[in-house]
Amino acid sequence: MRPIRLLILLLAISLTLVLALMRPLQGRANGAESQAVRLVQSPLPMRHLFHRSRHKSQPFGVHVVAYARHFLGVPYRWGGTTPHTGFDCSGLVRFVYRRFGVRLPHSTWGDLSHGRRVTRRSLRAGDLVFFYGASHVGIYIGRGHFIDAPHTGARVRISTMNAYSGYYGARRLRAS
C-alpha cells in the first residue's frame, strides 16, 4: 500500500509544479506583461542580481537596456509607474533605473536635470533621449533606436530616432 501512496504524492507534487510553471505563461499572447510582472514580483530585487552577475566588459547602459526590454508591450497609461498599471514615458524610465539604484523624479523635466549632457553623436546604450522640448523621454538602445512609452492607446515599444522630428537632447546616468 505504501508504494501507491508514494506514487500519488509524487504525482500531486509534479502536477503542482507544472501548474505553478504554467500560470505565469497565461495572459497576453506575447507574454511581455507576464514576464514584466514576474520580474517585479521577484523576491530578490534586480539590482542585487545585477551587481552579482555584471561583467566588467559590459557598460552599465547595456544592462539598463536589457532590463528595459522586458517591458516591451506593456500598455501606455498617463501617470503610469508600474508594469501592472502601465507606463507613461517618464514612469518607464524611472521604473527601469530604480532597479539599478538610480532615483529619478516622475517628470521629463526632472530627468533632464540628472546625469551629464551628451551629444547626439556620442549616444550610448542606456542614455536618456528627450524630444519635443523635453516633453517626451526614452532609453537609447543603439543604432538610432530607443525604448519608449509613446502615447495613449500604444504600448511600450522600440522607436527610431528619425521617427521623432523634435529631438531635444540626451543625458547619461551612472549607477549609484
N, C-alpha and C. Protein backbone atom coordinates (compact mmCIF):
# COMPACT_ATOMS: atom_id res chain seq x y z
N MET A 1 0.81 -1.19 0.00
CA MET A 1 0.00 0.00 0.00
C MET A 1 0.86 1.27 0.00
N ARG A 2 2.03 1.22 0.63
CA ARG A 2 2.90 2.39 0.70
C ARG A 2 3.39 2.86 -0.66
N PRO A 3 3.78 1.97 -1.57
CA PRO A 3 4.23 2.44 -2.89
C PRO A 3 3.15 3.22 -3.63
N ILE A 4 1.89 2.87 -3.45
CA ILE A 4 0.80 3.59 -4.11
C ILE A 4 0.67 5.00 -3.55
N ARG A 5 0.75 5.12 -2.23
CA ARG A 5 0.70 6.45 -1.59
C ARG A 5 1.87 7.31 -2.04
N LEU A 6 3.04 6.72 -2.13
CA LEU A 6 4.22 7.46 -2.58
C LEU A 6 4.05 7.91 -4.03
N LEU A 7 3.51 7.07 -4.85
CA LEU A 7 3.26 7.41 -6.25
C LEU A 7 2.24 8.53 -6.37
N ILE A 8 1.17 8.48 -5.58
CA ILE A 8 0.15 9.54 -5.59
C ILE A 8 0.76 10.86 -5.12
N LEU A 9 1.59 10.81 -4.08
CA LEU A 9 2.24 12.01 -3.58
C LEU A 9 3.16 12.61 -4.64
N LEU A 10 3.94 11.78 -5.32
CA LEU A 10 4.82 12.28 -6.38
C LEU A 10 4.04 12.87 -7.53
N LEU A 11 2.93 12.26 -7.90
CA LEU A 11 2.08 12.80 -8.96
C LEU A 11 1.49 14.15 -8.55
N ALA A 12 1.06 14.26 -7.31
CA ALA A 12 0.49 15.52 -6.82
C ALA A 12 1.54 16.64 -6.84
N ILE A 13 2.75 16.33 -6.41
CA ILE A 13 3.83 17.32 -6.42
C ILE A 13 4.18 17.73 -7.85
N SER A 14 4.24 16.75 -8.74
CA SER A 14 4.54 17.03 -10.16
C SER A 14 3.47 17.92 -10.77
N LEU A 15 2.21 17.61 -10.50
CA LEU A 15 1.11 18.41 -11.03
C LEU A 15 1.17 19.84 -10.50
N THR A 16 1.47 19.99 -9.23
CA THR A 16 1.59 21.32 -8.62
C THR A 16 2.71 22.11 -9.28
N LEU A 17 3.85 21.49 -9.51
CA LEU A 17 4.97 22.18 -10.16
C LEU A 17 4.61 22.58 -11.59
N VAL A 18 3.97 21.70 -12.32
CA VAL A 18 3.58 22.02 -13.70
C VAL A 18 2.61 23.20 -13.71
N LEU A 19 1.63 23.20 -12.84
CA LEU A 19 0.68 24.31 -12.77
C LEU A 19 1.36 25.61 -12.36
N ALA A 20 2.28 25.53 -11.43
CA ALA A 20 3.00 26.73 -10.99
C ALA A 20 3.84 27.31 -12.12
N LEU A 21 4.42 26.44 -12.93
CA LEU A 21 5.22 26.92 -14.06
C LEU A 21 4.36 27.45 -15.19
N MET A 22 3.17 26.94 -15.36
CA MET A 22 2.29 27.35 -16.44
C MET A 22 1.57 28.65 -16.13
N ARG A 23 1.28 28.93 -14.89
CA ARG A 23 0.50 30.11 -14.52
C ARG A 23 1.11 31.41 -15.04
N PRO A 24 2.42 31.68 -14.89
CA PRO A 24 2.96 32.93 -15.42
C PRO A 24 2.88 33.04 -16.94
N LEU A 25 2.71 31.93 -17.64
CA LEU A 25 2.65 31.98 -19.09
C LEU A 25 1.26 32.35 -19.59
N GLN A 26 0.26 32.30 -18.72
CA GLN A 26 -1.09 32.66 -19.13
C GLN A 26 -1.18 34.17 -19.25
N GLY A 27 -2.16 34.65 -19.96
CA GLY A 27 -2.34 36.09 -20.11
C GLY A 27 -2.20 36.50 -21.55
N ARG A 28 -1.49 37.59 -21.79
CA ARG A 28 -1.37 38.13 -23.14
C ARG A 28 -0.59 37.20 -24.04
N ALA A 29 -0.87 37.29 -25.29
CA ALA A 29 -0.26 36.38 -26.27
C ALA A 29 1.25 36.53 -26.35
N ASN A 30 1.75 37.77 -26.28
CA ASN A 30 3.19 37.93 -26.44
C ASN A 30 3.96 37.74 -25.14
N GLY A 31 3.26 37.69 -24.01
CA GLY A 31 3.90 37.35 -22.75
C GLY A 31 4.74 38.46 -22.14
N ALA A 32 4.83 39.63 -22.76
CA ALA A 32 5.68 40.68 -22.23
C ALA A 32 5.20 41.14 -20.86
N GLU A 33 3.89 41.30 -20.72
CA GLU A 33 3.36 41.76 -19.45
C GLU A 33 3.57 40.71 -18.37
N SER A 34 3.35 39.44 -18.71
CA SER A 34 3.55 38.36 -17.74
C SER A 34 5.00 38.32 -17.29
N GLN A 35 5.90 38.49 -18.23
CA GLN A 35 7.32 38.49 -17.89
C GLN A 35 7.65 39.68 -17.01
N ALA A 36 7.07 40.83 -17.32
CA ALA A 36 7.32 42.02 -16.51
C ALA A 36 6.80 41.82 -15.10
N VAL A 37 5.63 41.24 -14.96
CA VAL A 37 5.06 41.00 -13.65
C VAL A 37 5.93 40.04 -12.87
N ARG A 38 6.44 38.97 -13.51
CA ARG A 38 7.32 38.03 -12.82
C ARG A 38 8.57 38.73 -12.33
N LEU A 39 9.13 39.63 -13.13
CA LEU A 39 10.34 40.33 -12.71
C LEU A 39 10.07 41.24 -11.52
N VAL A 40 8.92 41.92 -11.56
CA VAL A 40 8.58 42.84 -10.48
C VAL A 40 8.32 42.08 -9.20
N GLN A 41 7.72 40.90 -9.28
CA GLN A 41 7.36 40.14 -8.09
C GLN A 41 8.51 39.28 -7.58
N SER A 42 9.65 39.35 -8.24
CA SER A 42 10.80 38.57 -7.81
C SER A 42 11.16 38.92 -6.37
N PRO A 43 11.39 37.93 -5.51
CA PRO A 43 11.69 38.24 -4.12
C PRO A 43 13.04 38.94 -3.94
N LEU A 44 13.95 38.77 -4.88
CA LEU A 44 15.26 39.40 -4.80
C LEU A 44 15.31 40.55 -5.79
N PRO A 45 15.48 41.80 -5.32
CA PRO A 45 15.49 42.92 -6.25
C PRO A 45 16.54 42.74 -7.34
N MET A 46 16.21 43.20 -8.54
CA MET A 46 17.09 43.04 -9.70
C MET A 46 18.45 43.69 -9.48
N ARG A 47 18.51 44.78 -8.72
CA ARG A 47 19.81 45.45 -8.56
C ARG A 47 20.82 44.53 -7.87
N HIS A 48 20.33 43.62 -6.99
CA HIS A 48 21.24 42.68 -6.35
C HIS A 48 21.73 41.65 -7.36
N LEU A 49 20.84 41.18 -8.23
CA LEU A 49 21.25 40.26 -9.27
C LEU A 49 22.22 40.94 -10.23
N PHE A 50 21.96 42.22 -10.50
CA PHE A 50 22.80 42.99 -11.41
C PHE A 50 24.23 43.05 -10.88
N HIS A 51 24.38 43.37 -9.61
CA HIS A 51 25.73 43.52 -9.07
C HIS A 51 26.47 42.18 -9.01
N ARG A 52 25.76 41.08 -8.81
CA ARG A 52 26.40 39.78 -8.76
C ARG A 52 26.84 39.29 -10.13
N SER A 53 25.99 39.53 -11.13
CA SER A 53 26.25 38.92 -12.43
C SER A 53 26.88 39.88 -13.44
N ARG A 54 27.15 41.11 -13.06
CA ARG A 54 27.65 42.09 -14.00
C ARG A 54 29.05 41.73 -14.46
N HIS A 55 29.24 41.76 -15.75
CA HIS A 55 30.56 41.54 -16.33
C HIS A 55 31.24 42.88 -16.49
N LYS A 56 32.50 42.94 -16.17
CA LYS A 56 33.25 44.19 -16.26
C LYS A 56 33.28 44.74 -17.68
N SER A 57 33.20 43.85 -18.67
CA SER A 57 33.32 44.29 -20.05
C SER A 57 32.05 44.95 -20.58
N GLN A 58 30.91 44.79 -19.92
CA GLN A 58 29.68 45.39 -20.40
C GLN A 58 29.36 46.67 -19.64
N PRO A 59 29.14 47.75 -20.37
CA PRO A 59 28.82 49.02 -19.73
C PRO A 59 27.47 48.98 -19.00
N PHE A 60 27.33 49.87 -18.07
CA PHE A 60 26.11 49.99 -17.27
C PHE A 60 24.87 50.10 -18.16
N GLY A 61 24.93 50.93 -19.19
CA GLY A 61 23.79 51.16 -20.06
C GLY A 61 23.29 49.91 -20.76
N VAL A 62 24.16 48.97 -21.06
CA VAL A 62 23.76 47.72 -21.71
C VAL A 62 22.84 46.93 -20.78
N HIS A 63 23.15 46.93 -19.50
CA HIS A 63 22.31 46.24 -18.53
C HIS A 63 20.96 46.95 -18.37
N VAL A 64 20.98 48.27 -18.41
CA VAL A 64 19.74 49.04 -18.32
C VAL A 64 18.83 48.69 -19.50
N VAL A 65 19.38 48.68 -20.69
CA VAL A 65 18.60 48.36 -21.89
C VAL A 65 18.05 46.93 -21.82
N ALA A 66 18.86 45.99 -21.38
CA ALA A 66 18.41 44.60 -21.28
C ALA A 66 17.21 44.50 -20.34
N TYR A 67 17.25 45.22 -19.24
CA TYR A 67 16.13 45.19 -18.31
C TYR A 67 14.91 45.91 -18.91
N ALA A 68 15.12 47.03 -19.55
CA ALA A 68 14.01 47.79 -20.14
C ALA A 68 13.27 46.99 -21.20
N ARG A 69 13.98 46.13 -21.92
CA ARG A 69 13.35 45.32 -22.96
C ARG A 69 12.28 44.38 -22.40
N HIS A 70 12.37 44.04 -21.13
CA HIS A 70 11.37 43.17 -20.51
C HIS A 70 9.98 43.80 -20.51
N PHE A 71 9.91 45.10 -20.67
CA PHE A 71 8.63 45.80 -20.57
C PHE A 71 8.02 46.16 -21.92
N LEU A 72 8.63 45.68 -22.99
CA LEU A 72 8.05 45.88 -24.32
C LEU A 72 6.65 45.27 -24.34
N GLY A 73 5.69 46.02 -24.83
CA GLY A 73 4.32 45.53 -24.90
C GLY A 73 3.43 45.93 -23.74
N VAL A 74 4.00 46.49 -22.68
CA VAL A 74 3.19 46.94 -21.55
C VAL A 74 2.39 48.17 -22.02
N PRO A 75 1.10 48.25 -21.72
CA PRO A 75 0.28 49.37 -22.21
C PRO A 75 0.72 50.73 -21.66
N TYR A 76 0.50 51.76 -22.48
CA TYR A 76 0.73 53.14 -22.05
C TYR A 76 -0.40 53.54 -21.11
N ARG A 77 -0.03 54.26 -20.08
CA ARG A 77 -1.03 54.86 -19.20
C ARG A 77 -0.46 56.16 -18.67
N TRP A 78 -1.16 57.25 -18.89
CA TRP A 78 -0.70 58.55 -18.43
C TRP A 78 -0.55 58.51 -16.92
N GLY A 79 0.62 58.89 -16.43
CA GLY A 79 0.90 58.85 -15.00
C GLY A 79 1.29 57.47 -14.51
N GLY A 80 1.34 56.49 -15.40
CA GLY A 80 1.63 55.11 -15.01
C GLY A 80 3.07 54.90 -14.59
N THR A 81 3.26 54.09 -13.55
CA THR A 81 4.59 53.90 -12.99
C THR A 81 5.00 52.45 -12.81
N THR A 82 4.12 51.51 -13.16
CA THR A 82 4.45 50.09 -12.98
C THR A 82 3.95 49.28 -14.18
N PRO A 83 4.51 48.09 -14.39
CA PRO A 83 4.00 47.25 -15.47
C PRO A 83 2.60 46.72 -15.17
N HIS A 84 2.19 46.76 -13.91
CA HIS A 84 0.85 46.31 -13.54
C HIS A 84 -0.22 47.27 -14.06
N THR A 85 0.05 48.56 -13.95
CA THR A 85 -0.93 49.57 -14.34
C THR A 85 -0.62 50.19 -15.70
N GLY A 86 0.59 50.03 -16.18
CA GLY A 86 1.03 50.67 -17.42
C GLY A 86 2.03 51.77 -17.12
N PHE A 87 2.69 52.24 -18.17
CA PHE A 87 3.71 53.27 -18.02
C PHE A 87 3.40 54.48 -18.89
N ASP A 88 3.80 55.66 -18.42
CA ASP A 88 3.98 56.77 -19.33
C ASP A 88 5.49 56.87 -19.56
N CYS A 89 5.95 57.80 -20.37
CA CYS A 89 7.37 57.78 -20.76
C CYS A 89 8.31 57.93 -19.56
N SER A 90 8.04 58.91 -18.70
CA SER A 90 8.95 59.11 -17.57
C SER A 90 8.76 58.04 -16.50
N GLY A 91 7.57 57.47 -16.41
CA GLY A 91 7.33 56.37 -15.47
C GLY A 91 8.15 55.14 -15.84
N LEU A 92 8.24 54.86 -17.14
CA LEU A 92 9.05 53.73 -17.61
C LEU A 92 10.52 53.96 -17.27
N VAL A 93 11.03 55.14 -17.59
CA VAL A 93 12.44 55.46 -17.33
C VAL A 93 12.72 55.36 -15.84
N ARG A 94 11.85 55.93 -15.05
CA ARG A 94 12.02 55.91 -13.59
C ARG A 94 12.03 54.49 -13.05
N PHE A 95 11.08 53.65 -13.51
CA PHE A 95 10.97 52.27 -13.04
C PHE A 95 12.22 51.47 -13.39
N VAL A 96 12.70 51.61 -14.62
CA VAL A 96 13.87 50.85 -15.07
C VAL A 96 15.10 51.27 -14.27
N TYR A 97 15.36 52.54 -14.17
CA TYR A 97 16.57 53.00 -13.49
C TYR A 97 16.53 52.75 -11.98
N ARG A 98 15.35 52.73 -11.40
CA ARG A 98 15.25 52.46 -9.96
C ARG A 98 15.81 51.08 -9.63
N ARG A 99 15.67 50.11 -10.55
CA ARG A 99 16.20 48.76 -10.32
C ARG A 99 17.72 48.74 -10.23
N PHE A 100 18.35 49.80 -10.71
CA PHE A 100 19.81 49.88 -10.68
C PHE A 100 20.29 50.92 -9.67
N GLY A 101 19.40 51.31 -8.76
CA GLY A 101 19.76 52.21 -7.68
C GLY A 101 19.76 53.68 -8.05
N VAL A 102 19.25 54.05 -9.23
CA VAL A 102 19.21 55.45 -9.65
C VAL A 102 17.80 55.97 -9.42
N ARG A 103 17.69 56.98 -8.58
CA ARG A 103 16.38 57.57 -8.26
C ARG A 103 16.12 58.75 -9.18
N LEU A 104 14.99 58.72 -9.85
CA LEU A 104 14.61 59.79 -10.76
C LEU A 104 13.22 60.30 -10.40
N PRO A 105 12.93 61.55 -10.70
CA PRO A 105 11.57 62.06 -10.48
C PRO A 105 10.64 61.52 -11.57
N HIS A 106 9.35 61.63 -11.37
CA HIS A 106 8.39 61.21 -12.40
C HIS A 106 8.06 62.44 -13.26
N SER A 107 9.07 62.90 -13.97
CA SER A 107 8.92 64.10 -14.80
C SER A 107 10.05 64.14 -15.81
N THR A 108 9.71 64.41 -17.06
CA THR A 108 10.77 64.51 -18.06
C THR A 108 11.68 65.70 -17.77
N TRP A 109 11.10 66.79 -17.31
CA TRP A 109 11.94 67.96 -16.97
C TRP A 109 12.86 67.63 -15.81
N GLY A 110 12.37 66.88 -14.84
CA GLY A 110 13.21 66.46 -13.72
C GLY A 110 14.31 65.53 -14.18
N ASP A 111 14.00 64.61 -15.10
CA ASP A 111 15.00 63.69 -15.64
C ASP A 111 16.11 64.45 -16.35
N LEU A 112 15.74 65.55 -17.00
CA LEU A 112 16.69 66.35 -17.76
C LEU A 112 17.76 66.99 -16.87
N SER A 113 17.48 67.10 -15.59
CA SER A 113 18.45 67.71 -14.68
C SER A 113 19.40 66.68 -14.05
N HIS A 114 19.26 65.41 -14.38
CA HIS A 114 20.12 64.36 -13.82
C HIS A 114 21.18 63.92 -14.84
N GLY A 115 22.26 63.38 -14.33
CA GLY A 115 23.32 62.88 -15.20
C GLY A 115 24.07 64.00 -15.90
N ARG A 116 24.76 63.62 -16.98
CA ARG A 116 25.50 64.65 -17.72
C ARG A 116 25.02 64.69 -19.16
N ARG A 117 25.11 65.86 -19.73
CA ARG A 117 24.67 66.06 -21.10
C ARG A 117 25.59 65.34 -22.07
N VAL A 118 25.02 64.72 -23.09
CA VAL A 118 25.80 64.09 -24.15
C VAL A 118 25.24 64.54 -25.50
N THR A 119 26.09 64.59 -26.49
CA THR A 119 25.65 64.98 -27.82
C THR A 119 24.98 63.81 -28.51
N ARG A 120 24.22 64.12 -29.53
CA ARG A 120 23.53 63.07 -30.28
C ARG A 120 24.52 62.12 -30.94
N ARG A 121 25.66 62.64 -31.34
CA ARG A 121 26.67 61.82 -31.99
C ARG A 121 27.36 60.84 -31.03
N SER A 122 27.33 61.14 -29.73
CA SER A 122 28.02 60.25 -28.78
C SER A 122 27.05 59.47 -27.90
N LEU A 123 25.84 59.24 -28.38
CA LEU A 123 24.87 58.46 -27.60
C LEU A 123 25.34 57.02 -27.41
N ARG A 124 25.05 56.47 -26.23
CA ARG A 124 25.35 55.08 -25.91
C ARG A 124 24.11 54.43 -25.32
N ALA A 125 24.11 53.12 -25.33
CA ALA A 125 23.00 52.37 -24.74
C ALA A 125 22.77 52.83 -23.30
N GLY A 126 21.51 53.04 -22.97
CA GLY A 126 21.14 53.46 -21.62
C GLY A 126 20.99 54.96 -21.45
N ASP A 127 21.45 55.75 -22.42
CA ASP A 127 21.30 57.21 -22.32
C ASP A 127 19.82 57.58 -22.43
N LEU A 128 19.43 58.63 -21.72
CA LEU A 128 18.07 59.14 -21.84
C LEU A 128 18.02 60.08 -23.04
N VAL A 129 17.04 59.91 -23.91
CA VAL A 129 16.87 60.80 -25.06
C VAL A 129 15.55 61.54 -24.91
N PHE A 130 15.59 62.85 -25.17
CA PHE A 130 14.44 63.72 -24.97
C PHE A 130 13.98 64.30 -26.30
N PHE A 131 12.66 64.49 -26.40
CA PHE A 131 12.06 65.00 -27.61
C PHE A 131 11.02 66.07 -27.29
N TYR A 132 10.68 66.87 -28.28
CA TYR A 132 9.61 67.85 -28.20
C TYR A 132 9.76 68.77 -26.99
N GLY A 133 10.88 69.47 -26.91
CA GLY A 133 11.09 70.39 -25.80
C GLY A 133 11.15 69.69 -24.46
N ALA A 134 11.63 68.48 -24.45
CA ALA A 134 11.78 67.65 -23.25
C ALA A 134 10.44 67.21 -22.67
N SER A 135 9.40 67.12 -23.50
CA SER A 135 8.12 66.63 -23.01
C SER A 135 7.97 65.12 -23.21
N HIS A 136 8.98 64.49 -23.83
CA HIS A 136 8.96 63.03 -24.03
C HIS A 136 10.38 62.50 -23.81
N VAL A 137 10.48 61.32 -23.17
CA VAL A 137 11.79 60.72 -22.88
C VAL A 137 11.75 59.23 -23.19
N GLY A 138 12.90 58.70 -23.58
CA GLY A 138 13.05 57.28 -23.81
C GLY A 138 14.46 56.85 -23.44
N ILE A 139 14.74 55.54 -23.55
CA ILE A 139 16.05 54.98 -23.22
C ILE A 139 16.69 54.52 -24.52
N TYR A 140 17.82 55.13 -24.85
CA TYR A 140 18.51 54.82 -26.09
C TYR A 140 19.07 53.40 -26.04
N ILE A 141 18.89 52.63 -27.12
CA ILE A 141 19.41 51.25 -27.15
C ILE A 141 20.53 51.07 -28.17
N GLY A 142 20.72 52.05 -29.03
CA GLY A 142 21.79 51.97 -30.02
C GLY A 142 21.26 51.97 -31.44
N ARG A 143 22.14 52.29 -32.39
CA ARG A 143 21.82 52.29 -33.81
C ARG A 143 20.57 53.08 -34.17
N GLY A 144 20.39 54.22 -33.49
CA GLY A 144 19.27 55.09 -33.81
C GLY A 144 17.92 54.64 -33.28
N HIS A 145 17.90 53.75 -32.28
CA HIS A 145 16.65 53.24 -31.72
C HIS A 145 16.61 53.50 -30.22
N PHE A 146 15.39 53.61 -29.69
CA PHE A 146 15.21 53.77 -28.24
C PHE A 146 13.90 53.13 -27.82
N ILE A 147 13.81 52.83 -26.52
CA ILE A 147 12.60 52.24 -25.94
C ILE A 147 11.81 53.37 -25.30
N ASP A 148 10.52 53.42 -25.61
CA ASP A 148 9.69 54.46 -25.00
C ASP A 148 8.25 53.98 -24.83
N ALA A 149 7.53 54.71 -24.00
CA ALA A 149 6.09 54.55 -23.84
C ALA A 149 5.49 55.76 -24.54
N PRO A 150 5.03 55.62 -25.79
CA PRO A 150 4.78 56.79 -26.64
C PRO A 150 3.54 57.63 -26.36
N HIS A 151 2.37 57.03 -26.27
CA HIS A 151 1.15 57.83 -26.14
C HIS A 151 -0.03 56.92 -25.80
N THR A 152 -1.14 57.53 -25.45
CA THR A 152 -2.36 56.80 -25.13
C THR A 152 -2.75 55.88 -26.29
N GLY A 153 -3.11 54.66 -25.96
CA GLY A 153 -3.52 53.69 -26.96
C GLY A 153 -2.37 52.87 -27.51
N ALA A 154 -1.15 53.20 -27.11
CA ALA A 154 0.03 52.47 -27.59
C ALA A 154 0.60 51.62 -26.45
N ARG A 155 1.66 50.93 -26.75
CA ARG A 155 2.37 50.10 -25.77
C ARG A 155 3.84 50.46 -25.78
N VAL A 156 4.54 50.08 -24.73
CA VAL A 156 5.99 50.30 -24.68
C VAL A 156 6.57 49.61 -25.91
N ARG A 157 7.44 50.33 -26.62
CA ARG A 157 7.94 49.82 -27.89
C ARG A 157 9.34 50.34 -28.16
N ILE A 158 9.92 49.82 -29.24
CA ILE A 158 11.19 50.34 -29.73
C ILE A 158 10.87 51.29 -30.87
N SER A 159 11.33 52.52 -30.76
CA SER A 159 11.09 53.54 -31.78
C SER A 159 12.42 53.93 -32.40
N THR A 160 12.34 54.59 -33.54
CA THR A 160 13.55 55.09 -34.19
C THR A 160 13.68 56.59 -33.91
N MET A 161 14.90 57.02 -33.80
CA MET A 161 15.18 58.44 -33.56
C MET A 161 14.63 59.28 -34.71
N ASN A 162 14.70 58.77 -35.93
CA ASN A 162 14.25 59.51 -37.10
C ASN A 162 12.74 59.69 -37.13
N ALA A 163 11.99 58.83 -36.44
CA ALA A 163 10.54 58.94 -36.42
C ALA A 163 10.08 60.13 -35.58
N TYR A 164 10.95 60.63 -34.72
CA TYR A 164 10.64 61.78 -33.88
C TYR A 164 11.42 62.98 -34.40
N SER A 165 10.72 63.95 -34.91
CA SER A 165 11.40 65.11 -35.50
C SER A 165 11.87 66.10 -34.45
N GLY A 166 11.35 66.05 -33.27
CA GLY A 166 11.66 67.06 -32.26
C GLY A 166 12.73 66.66 -31.27
N TYR A 167 13.87 66.12 -31.73
CA TYR A 167 14.95 65.74 -30.81
C TYR A 167 15.38 66.96 -30.00
N TYR A 168 15.51 66.79 -28.68
CA TYR A 168 15.82 67.91 -27.80
C TYR A 168 17.20 67.78 -27.16
N GLY A 169 17.59 66.57 -26.76
CA GLY A 169 18.87 66.37 -26.10
C GLY A 169 18.96 65.01 -25.45
N ALA A 170 20.09 64.78 -24.76
CA ALA A 170 20.30 63.48 -24.11
C ALA A 170 21.10 63.66 -22.83
N ARG A 171 20.92 62.71 -21.91
CA ARG A 171 21.64 62.70 -20.64
C ARG A 171 22.15 61.29 -20.39
N ARG A 172 23.32 61.19 -19.78
CA ARG A 172 23.89 59.89 -19.41
C ARG A 172 23.89 59.79 -17.89
N LEU A 173 23.30 58.72 -17.39
CA LEU A 173 23.23 58.47 -15.96
C LEU A 173 24.22 57.39 -15.58
N ARG A 174 24.63 57.39 -14.33
CA ARG A 174 25.55 56.37 -13.82
C ARG A 174 24.89 55.63 -12.68
N ALA A 175 25.34 54.41 -12.46
CA ALA A 175 24.84 53.61 -11.32
C ALA A 175 25.23 54.29 -10.02
N SER A 176 24.36 54.18 -9.02
CA SER A 176 24.69 54.79 -7.72
C SER A 176 25.57 53.88 -6.92
